[in-house]
């Protein structure tokens, strides 16, 4: 992904805090704290990549739109960390730990509002509709996840509604915005949006897998954090029917425990891994990557098409 990293990522990095545009210094301080903490910037890269894929050369008005999508993502992270009572984010103290819950929530609100303002200034009504719908679904996904905490019987359909809200719809909106900026027809807009959904689902499933098989050093937070918080994710869902009644009861009790022991978490993790839940989930993530690559078949076969294929493949190859 050298072109994405060298050409487009440089454009993102140099403009990342440019459009925060507040006279309240505290907002700028919190915004910079998380924006400059080492995120992958996949969302603005998607916006710019789909415009370049469709051979768009003038990116002047697209750059603030691309950056605004990272602001939306950042706002969701700020709110998530407050809701989850997180202590760390990307290997350093979370913003709510450093600045306090009240200011972090309000800064997140500001970043949502600022993003939509940038779309009203640089975008068009179709973009605003898709992005606003994404923000609505992000909130719905977060609320559904909260409602389903400690629900061992979370259905696969409910799981995908949650991860679409947490991750996929914003990826989809990013791809759509880039394609729309380049005046793509309806079919290409749909293919771009679906590419985003597919890589977004793959991305979140891989995140859920890494929560089981990675290390705290790589993740920047404790492993099996979802289980500790009572969240049922895909590696467990894939093996739930294979569990004995005793094991099912063990998980039901574990996810309702507000302070499970490390020993209990380790036991639960080992049950999932022994039944190869991580491998089953990984296969599903690979299937979504394959679908995303098929979405790209409808677009010009240029260097950016190849880069977006590599991006999709990277999602199931990454370690963090």
Protein backbone atom coordinates (compact mmCIF):
# COMPACT_ATOMS: atom_id res chain seq x y z
CA UNK A 1 0.00 0.00 0.00
CA UNK A 2 2.89 2.32 -0.75
CA UNK A 3 0.86 4.89 -2.70
CA UNK A 4 -1.76 5.13 0.03
CA UNK A 5 0.95 5.46 2.65
CA UNK A 6 3.22 7.87 0.83
CA UNK A 7 0.97 10.08 -1.28
CA UNK A 8 -2.42 10.11 0.39
CA UNK A 9 -1.44 9.52 4.02
CA UNK A 10 0.91 12.49 3.83
CA UNK A 11 -2.00 14.63 2.67
CA UNK A 12 -4.07 13.40 5.63
CA UNK A 13 -1.33 13.91 8.20
CA UNK A 14 -0.57 17.47 7.18
CA UNK A 15 -4.24 18.46 7.45
CA UNK A 16 -5.34 16.31 10.39
CA UNK A 17 -5.89 19.11 12.92
CA UNK A 18 -6.34 21.95 10.44
CA UNK A 19 -10.14 21.87 10.46
CA UNK A 20 -10.77 21.57 14.20
CA UNK A 21 -11.34 25.34 14.04
CA UNK A 22 -12.40 26.20 17.57
CA UNK A 23 -11.57 29.26 19.68
CA UNK A 24 -11.77 27.02 22.77
CA UNK A 25 -8.20 25.87 23.36
CA UNK A 26 -9.29 22.91 25.51
CA UNK A 27 -11.21 21.41 22.58
CA UNK A 28 -8.14 21.69 20.38
CA UNK A 29 -5.97 20.11 23.07
CA UNK A 30 -8.23 17.07 23.52
CA UNK A 31 -8.76 16.72 19.77
CA UNK A 32 -5.03 16.77 19.08
CA UNK A 33 -4.38 14.34 21.93
CA UNK A 34 -6.34 11.55 20.27
CA UNK A 35 -5.85 12.55 16.61
CA UNK A 36 -2.09 12.46 17.01
CA UNK A 37 -1.97 9.24 19.02
CA UNK A 38 -1.10 6.91 16.17
CA UNK A 39 -4.36 5.97 14.45
CA UNK A 40 -4.28 4.25 11.07
CA UNK A 41 -6.32 6.99 9.32
CA UNK A 42 -8.06 4.37 7.17
CA UNK A 43 -11.26 6.40 6.92
CA UNK A 44 -9.82 9.55 5.28
CA UNK A 45 -7.64 7.32 3.10
CA UNK A 46 -10.80 5.61 1.84
CA UNK A 47 -12.35 8.95 0.91
CA UNK A 48 -9.31 10.08 -1.05
CA UNK A 49 -8.64 6.66 -2.59
CA UNK A 50 -12.09 6.32 -4.13
CA UNK A 51 -11.80 9.76 -5.69
CA UNK A 52 -8.39 8.88 -7.14
CA UNK A 53 -9.73 5.47 -8.23
CA UNK A 54 -12.21 7.37 -10.40
CA UNK A 55 -9.36 9.51 -11.74
CA UNK A 56 -10.29 12.69 -9.87
CA UNK A 57 -7.38 15.16 -9.83
CA UNK A 58 -8.82 18.16 -7.97
CA UNK A 59 -8.95 17.16 -4.30
CA UNK A 60 -9.09 20.67 -2.79
CA UNK A 61 -12.64 20.40 -1.47
CA UNK A 62 -12.32 16.68 -0.76
CA UNK A 63 -9.48 16.97 1.77
CA UNK A 64 -11.63 18.67 4.46
CA UNK A 65 -14.34 16.05 3.86
CA UNK A 66 -11.80 13.24 4.26
CA UNK A 67 -10.47 14.81 7.47
CA UNK A 68 -14.01 15.28 8.76
CA UNK A 69 -14.56 11.51 8.54
CA UNK A 70 -11.61 11.03 10.87
CA UNK A 71 -13.21 13.59 13.19
CA UNK A 72 -16.39 11.50 13.23
CA UNK A 73 -14.35 8.42 14.07
CA UNK A 74 -12.48 10.31 16.78
CA UNK A 75 -15.73 11.57 18.29
CA UNK A 76 -17.03 8.00 18.49
CA UNK A 77 -13.80 6.88 20.21
CA UNK A 78 -14.08 9.67 22.77
CA UNK A 79 -17.65 8.67 23.59
CA UNK A 80 -16.83 4.93 23.57
CA UNK A 81 -14.05 5.36 26.10
CA UNK A 82 -16.36 7.21 28.46
CA UNK A 83 -19.11 4.59 28.09
CA UNK A 84 -16.62 1.72 28.49
CA UNK A 85 -14.75 3.46 31.34
CA UNK A 86 -11.57 2.77 29.39
CA UNK A 87 -8.17 3.48 30.93
CA UNK A 88 -6.08 3.21 27.78
CA UNK A 89 -6.38 3.90 24.07
CA UNK A 90 -3.66 2.99 21.55
CA UNK A 91 -1.22 2.19 24.33
CA UNK A 92 -1.50 5.43 26.29
CA UNK A 93 -3.95 6.85 28.86
CA UNK A 94 -7.38 7.41 27.29
CA UNK A 95 -8.57 10.98 26.86
CA UNK A 96 -11.28 10.59 29.50
CA UNK A 97 -8.62 9.48 32.00
CA UNK A 98 -6.48 12.53 31.24
CA UNK A 99 -9.12 15.23 30.78
CA UNK A 100 -12.23 13.88 32.54
CA UNK A 101 -15.50 12.45 31.26
CA UNK A 102 -17.48 15.71 31.01
CA UNK A 103 -15.02 17.56 28.80
CA UNK A 104 -14.34 14.50 26.63
CA UNK A 105 -18.06 13.91 25.95
CA UNK A 106 -18.56 17.56 25.01
CA UNK A 107 -15.45 17.52 22.81
CA UNK A 108 -16.87 14.47 21.04
CA UNK A 109 -20.12 16.39 20.51
CA UNK A 110 -18.16 19.29 19.06
CA UNK A 111 -16.30 17.01 16.65
CA UNK A 112 -19.56 15.46 15.42
CA UNK A 113 -21.01 18.93 14.85
CA UNK A 114 -17.85 20.22 13.19
CA UNK A 115 -17.78 17.28 10.80
CA UNK A 116 -21.34 17.89 9.66
CA UNK A 117 -20.54 21.60 9.29
CA UNK A 118 -17.64 20.72 6.98
CA UNK A 119 -20.00 18.63 4.87
CA UNK A 120 -22.45 21.52 4.64
CA UNK A 121 -19.58 23.73 3.44
CA UNK A 122 -17.65 21.42 1.10
CA UNK A 123 -20.03 18.56 0.35
CA UNK A 124 -23.48 18.11 -1.19
CA UNK A 125 -26.89 16.92 -0.03
CA UNK A 126 -26.32 13.28 -1.09
CA UNK A 127 -23.14 13.12 0.97
CA UNK A 128 -24.84 14.75 3.94
CA UNK A 129 -27.66 12.19 3.82
CA UNK A 130 -25.27 9.22 3.77
CA UNK A 131 -22.96 10.61 6.46
CA UNK A 132 -25.85 11.64 8.71
CA UNK A 133 -27.35 8.18 8.33
CA UNK A 134 -23.98 6.68 9.29
CA UNK A 135 -23.83 8.81 12.46
CA UNK A 136 -27.38 7.71 13.36
CA UNK A 137 -26.49 4.04 12.83
CA UNK A 138 -23.29 4.45 14.85
CA UNK A 139 -25.38 5.61 17.82
CA UNK A 140 -27.86 2.77 17.28
CA UNK A 141 -25.05 0.22 17.18
CA UNK A 142 -23.54 1.55 20.39
CA UNK A 143 -26.91 1.53 22.15
CA UNK A 144 -27.67 -2.01 20.98
CA UNK A 145 -24.27 -3.16 22.21
CA UNK A 146 -24.96 -1.61 25.61
CA UNK A 147 -28.38 -3.26 25.78
CA UNK A 148 -26.88 -6.65 24.90
CA UNK A 149 -24.04 -6.60 27.43
CA UNK A 150 -24.03 -9.88 29.40
CA UNK A 151 -26.50 -11.41 26.91
CA UNK A 152 -24.90 -14.77 26.14
CA UNK A 153 -27.65 -15.47 23.59
CA UNK A 154 -26.81 -12.47 21.39
CA UNK A 155 -27.82 -13.52 17.87
CA UNK A 156 -25.57 -13.35 14.83
CA UNK A 157 -27.98 -10.84 13.29
CA UNK A 158 -27.72 -8.62 16.35
CA UNK A 159 -23.94 -8.94 16.32
CA UNK A 160 -23.75 -7.68 12.73
CA UNK A 161 -26.09 -4.78 13.51
CA UNK A 162 -23.68 -3.82 16.29
CA UNK A 163 -20.51 -4.03 14.20
CA UNK A 164 -22.14 -2.28 11.25
CA UNK A 165 -22.81 0.61 13.61
CA UNK A 166 -19.45 0.45 15.36
CA UNK A 167 -17.33 0.21 12.22
CA UNK A 168 -18.81 -0.71 8.85
CA UNK A 169 -21.23 2.15 8.13
CA UNK A 170 -18.54 4.79 8.59
CA UNK A 171 -16.17 2.91 6.25
CA UNK A 172 -19.05 2.69 3.78
CA UNK A 173 -19.82 6.41 4.04
CA UNK A 174 -16.14 7.22 3.44
CA UNK A 175 -16.02 5.18 0.24
CA UNK A 176 -19.32 6.72 -0.88
CA UNK A 177 -18.11 10.29 -0.31
CA UNK A 178 -14.98 9.73 -2.40
CA UNK A 179 -16.98 8.17 -5.22
CA UNK A 180 -19.68 10.83 -5.05
CA UNK A 181 -17.09 13.62 -5.23
CA UNK A 182 -15.95 12.10 -8.53
CA UNK A 183 -19.53 12.06 -9.84
CA UNK A 184 -19.83 8.28 -9.93
CA UNK A 185 -23.08 6.79 -11.25
CA UNK A 186 -25.57 5.00 -8.99
CA UNK A 187 -24.08 1.55 -9.54
CA UNK A 188 -20.56 2.69 -8.66
CA UNK A 189 -21.85 4.55 -5.60
CA UNK A 190 -23.53 1.35 -4.43
CA UNK A 191 -20.39 -0.71 -5.09
CA UNK A 192 -18.25 1.81 -3.21
CA UNK A 193 -20.64 1.79 -0.25
CA UNK A 194 -20.74 -2.01 -0.19
CA UNK A 195 -16.95 -2.19 -0.34
CA UNK A 196 -16.90 -0.11 2.82
CA UNK A 197 -19.47 -2.36 4.52
CA UNK A 198 -17.49 -5.47 3.60
CA UNK A 199 -14.09 -4.25 4.77
CA UNK A 200 -15.70 -2.69 7.84
CA UNK A 201 -17.22 -6.00 8.88
CA UNK A 202 -13.93 -7.78 8.22
CA UNK A 203 -12.06 -5.12 10.21
CA UNK A 204 -14.29 -5.48 13.28
CA UNK A 205 -14.28 -9.29 13.16
CA UNK A 206 -10.48 -9.23 13.07
CA UNK A 207 -10.51 -6.80 16.01
CA UNK A 208 -12.65 -9.31 17.88
CA UNK A 209 -10.23 -12.12 17.00
CA UNK A 210 -7.21 -10.10 18.11
CA UNK A 211 -8.94 -9.53 21.44
CA UNK A 212 -8.53 -13.28 21.96
CA UNK A 213 -5.16 -14.05 20.39
CA UNK A 214 -3.03 -10.89 20.56
CA UNK A 215 -1.07 -9.40 23.47
CA UNK A 216 -1.66 -6.38 25.67
CA UNK A 217 1.54 -4.85 24.31
CA UNK A 218 0.30 -5.00 20.72
CA UNK A 219 -3.31 -4.06 21.45
CA UNK A 220 -2.50 -1.20 23.81
CA UNK A 221 -5.17 -2.54 26.20
CA UNK A 222 -5.80 -5.78 28.12
CA UNK A 223 -6.57 -8.90 26.07
CA UNK A 224 -10.10 -10.33 26.25
CA UNK A 225 -11.32 -6.88 27.19
CA UNK A 226 -14.69 -7.55 25.55
CA UNK A 227 -15.28 -10.61 27.72
CA UNK A 228 -14.34 -8.61 30.80
CA UNK A 229 -17.01 -6.08 29.81
CA UNK A 230 -19.61 -8.79 29.19
CA UNK A 231 -19.58 -8.38 25.40
CA UNK A 232 -20.26 -11.38 23.17
CA UNK A 233 -18.19 -11.23 19.97
CA UNK A 234 -17.80 -13.38 16.90
CA UNK A 235 -15.15 -15.90 17.98
CA UNK A 236 -17.45 -16.98 20.82
CA UNK A 237 -20.59 -16.86 18.67
CA UNK A 238 -19.03 -19.25 16.13
CA UNK A 239 -18.46 -21.96 18.77
CA UNK A 240 -21.43 -21.35 21.05
CA UNK A 241 -23.35 -24.36 19.71
CA UNK A 242 -20.32 -26.56 20.33
CA UNK A 243 -20.16 -25.75 24.03
CA UNK A 244 -21.26 -28.28 26.61
CA UNK A 245 -24.08 -27.27 28.95
CA UNK A 246 -21.53 -26.84 31.70
CA UNK A 247 -19.43 -24.54 29.49
CA UNK A 248 -22.50 -22.53 28.48
CA UNK A 249 -23.38 -21.98 32.12
CA UNK A 250 -19.78 -20.97 32.79
CA UNK A 251 -19.97 -18.26 30.09
CA UNK A 252 -23.40 -17.08 31.21
CA UNK A 253 -22.04 -16.52 34.70
CA UNK A 254 -18.77 -14.97 33.47
CA UNK A 255 -20.34 -12.29 31.28
CA UNK A 256 -22.61 -11.19 34.12
CA UNK A 257 -19.69 -10.84 36.53
CA UNK A 258 -18.78 -7.14 36.76
CA UNK A 259 -15.26 -7.99 37.92
CA UNK A 260 -14.19 -11.40 36.58
CA UNK A 261 -10.84 -12.79 37.67
CA UNK A 262 -7.91 -13.17 35.30
CA UNK A 263 -8.11 -16.91 35.86
CA UNK A 264 -11.75 -17.06 34.75
CA UNK A 265 -11.04 -14.92 31.68
CA UNK A 266 -8.10 -17.14 30.76
CA UNK A 267 -10.24 -20.25 31.06
CA UNK A 268 -12.96 -18.76 28.85
CA UNK A 269 -10.39 -17.66 26.26
CA UNK A 270 -8.87 -21.14 26.14
CA UNK A 271 -12.28 -22.75 25.61
CA UNK A 272 -12.92 -20.53 22.59
CA UNK A 273 -9.45 -21.11 21.14
CA UNK A 274 -9.57 -24.88 21.69
CA UNK A 275 -12.80 -25.01 19.69
CA UNK A 276 -11.12 -22.82 17.03
CA UNK A 277 -13.52 -19.92 17.32
CA UNK A 278 -10.76 -17.57 16.18
CA UNK A 279 -10.18 -19.63 13.02
CA UNK A 280 -13.89 -19.85 12.19
CA UNK A 281 -14.28 -16.09 12.66
CA UNK A 282 -11.18 -15.44 10.56
CA UNK A 283 -12.67 -17.39 7.67
CA UNK A 284 -15.77 -15.19 7.77
CA UNK A 285 -13.57 -12.07 7.79
CA UNK A 286 -11.73 -13.41 4.72
CA UNK A 287 -15.08 -13.96 3.00
CA UNK A 288 -15.96 -10.29 3.52
CA UNK A 289 -12.56 -9.25 2.13
CA UNK A 290 -13.23 -11.39 -0.95
CA UNK A 291 -16.60 -9.65 -1.41
CA UNK A 292 -14.93 -6.24 -1.05
CA UNK A 293 -12.41 -7.11 -3.77
CA UNK A 294 -15.29 -8.19 -6.01
CA UNK A 295 -16.87 -4.75 -5.49
CA UNK A 296 -13.73 -3.22 -7.00
CA UNK A 297 -14.19 -5.18 -10.24
CA UNK A 298 -16.71 -2.52 -11.32
CA UNK A 299 -14.13 0.29 -11.15
CA UNK A 300 -11.26 1.31 -13.44
CA UNK A 301 -8.35 -1.12 -13.16
CA UNK A 302 -5.71 1.42 -12.17
CA UNK A 303 -3.10 1.68 -9.42
CA UNK A 304 -5.67 2.87 -6.87
CA UNK A 305 -7.82 -0.17 -7.57
CA UNK A 306 -4.82 -2.33 -6.74
CA UNK A 307 -4.12 -0.29 -3.62
CA UNK A 308 -7.70 -0.70 -2.38
CA UNK A 309 -7.41 -4.46 -2.95
CA UNK A 310 -4.23 -4.45 -0.86
CA UNK A 311 -6.02 -2.44 1.83
CA UNK A 312 -8.76 -5.06 2.00
CA UNK A 313 -6.18 -7.83 2.28
CA UNK A 314 -4.24 -5.91 4.93
CA UNK A 315 -7.29 -5.95 7.15
CA UNK A 316 -7.05 -9.71 7.66
CA UNK A 317 -3.25 -9.70 7.83
CA UNK A 318 -2.73 -7.03 10.49
CA UNK A 319 -1.65 -7.75 14.05
CA UNK A 320 -3.22 -4.65 15.66
